[in-house]
């Protein structure tokens, strides 16, 4: 069985915050996609409301929940 997580994010309204979050998510995707337990790590941005992002993460095991904690922690500290 595959463990799938869907995360919805909403950036602040200013363009700088949107760009910063987008860059962080691209960076995170590149890093976390390389993890041996990760099947896929997709980032999507809404085509109408550019502040809305969705991450779809797919893992081999549920035990990789530590990755989610790391991702959310880095987004909180990196996008203030």
Protein backbone atom coordinates (compact mmCIF):
# COMPACT_ATOMS: atom_id res chain seq x y z
CA UNK A 1 0.00 0.00 0.00
CA UNK A 2 1.12 3.56 -0.71
CA UNK A 3 0.92 6.32 1.91
CA UNK A 4 -0.35 9.56 0.31
CA UNK A 5 -0.47 13.00 1.89
CA UNK A 6 -2.11 16.07 0.38
CA UNK A 7 -1.16 19.47 1.80
CA UNK A 8 -2.88 22.75 0.89
CA UNK A 9 -1.00 26.00 1.43
CA UNK A 10 -2.10 29.62 1.05
CA UNK A 11 0.60 32.28 0.68
CA UNK A 12 0.20 35.84 1.89
CA UNK A 13 -1.34 38.15 -0.70
CA UNK A 14 1.79 40.05 -1.76
CA UNK A 15 3.76 38.85 -4.78
CA UNK A 16 7.00 38.56 -2.79
CA UNK A 17 5.42 36.03 -0.41
CA UNK A 18 3.99 34.04 -3.32
CA UNK A 19 7.38 33.94 -5.03
CA UNK A 20 9.16 32.98 -1.82
CA UNK A 21 6.76 30.12 -1.08
CA UNK A 22 6.94 28.91 -4.68
CA UNK A 23 10.75 28.85 -4.55
CA UNK A 24 10.76 27.00 -1.22
CA UNK A 25 8.36 24.39 -2.56
CA UNK A 26 10.45 23.83 -5.69
CA UNK A 27 13.54 23.43 -3.50
CA UNK A 28 11.71 21.04 -1.15
CA UNK A 29 10.46 18.98 -4.08
CA UNK A 30 14.00 18.55 -5.40
CA UNK A 31 15.30 17.49 -1.98
CA UNK A 32 12.47 15.22 -0.83
CA UNK A 33 12.02 13.53 -4.21
CA UNK A 34 15.48 12.03 -3.74
CA UNK A 35 14.57 10.27 -0.49
CA UNK A 36 14.60 6.50 -0.97
CA UNK A 37 11.16 6.09 0.66
CA UNK A 38 9.56 8.78 -1.52
CA UNK A 39 7.62 7.62 -4.56
CA UNK A 40 6.66 11.13 -5.67
CA UNK A 41 6.51 14.66 -4.36
CA UNK A 42 4.48 17.02 -6.57
CA UNK A 43 3.90 20.74 -6.16
CA UNK A 44 0.98 22.41 -7.90
CA UNK A 45 -0.08 26.05 -8.03
CA UNK A 46 -3.66 27.16 -8.65
CA UNK A 47 -4.07 28.76 -12.09
CA UNK A 48 -6.65 31.30 -10.89
CA UNK A 49 -5.48 32.18 -7.35
CA UNK A 50 -1.67 32.17 -7.44
CA UNK A 51 -1.56 32.17 -3.61
CA UNK A 52 -2.90 28.60 -3.46
CA UNK A 53 -0.50 25.66 -3.60
CA UNK A 54 -1.04 21.93 -3.20
CA UNK A 55 1.61 19.32 -2.42
CA UNK A 56 0.88 15.65 -3.14
CA UNK A 57 3.35 13.35 -1.44
CA UNK A 58 3.48 9.57 -1.98
CA UNK A 59 5.58 7.28 0.20
CA UNK A 60 6.25 3.58 0.50
CA UNK A 61 5.67 3.55 4.25
CA UNK A 62 3.64 5.52 6.75
CA UNK A 63 6.74 5.82 8.92
CA UNK A 64 8.09 8.65 6.76
CA UNK A 65 5.89 11.12 8.59
CA UNK A 66 9.10 12.68 9.91
CA UNK A 67 9.62 14.10 6.40
CA UNK A 68 6.33 15.96 6.59
CA UNK A 69 7.37 17.50 9.90
CA UNK A 70 10.65 18.65 8.36
CA UNK A 71 8.93 20.16 5.33
CA UNK A 72 6.35 22.05 7.36
CA UNK A 73 8.99 23.25 9.79
CA UNK A 74 11.21 24.58 6.99
CA UNK A 75 8.27 26.33 5.33
CA UNK A 76 7.24 28.01 8.58
CA UNK A 77 10.72 29.27 9.35
CA UNK A 78 11.70 30.10 5.79
CA UNK A 79 8.65 32.05 4.67
CA UNK A 80 7.95 34.57 7.40
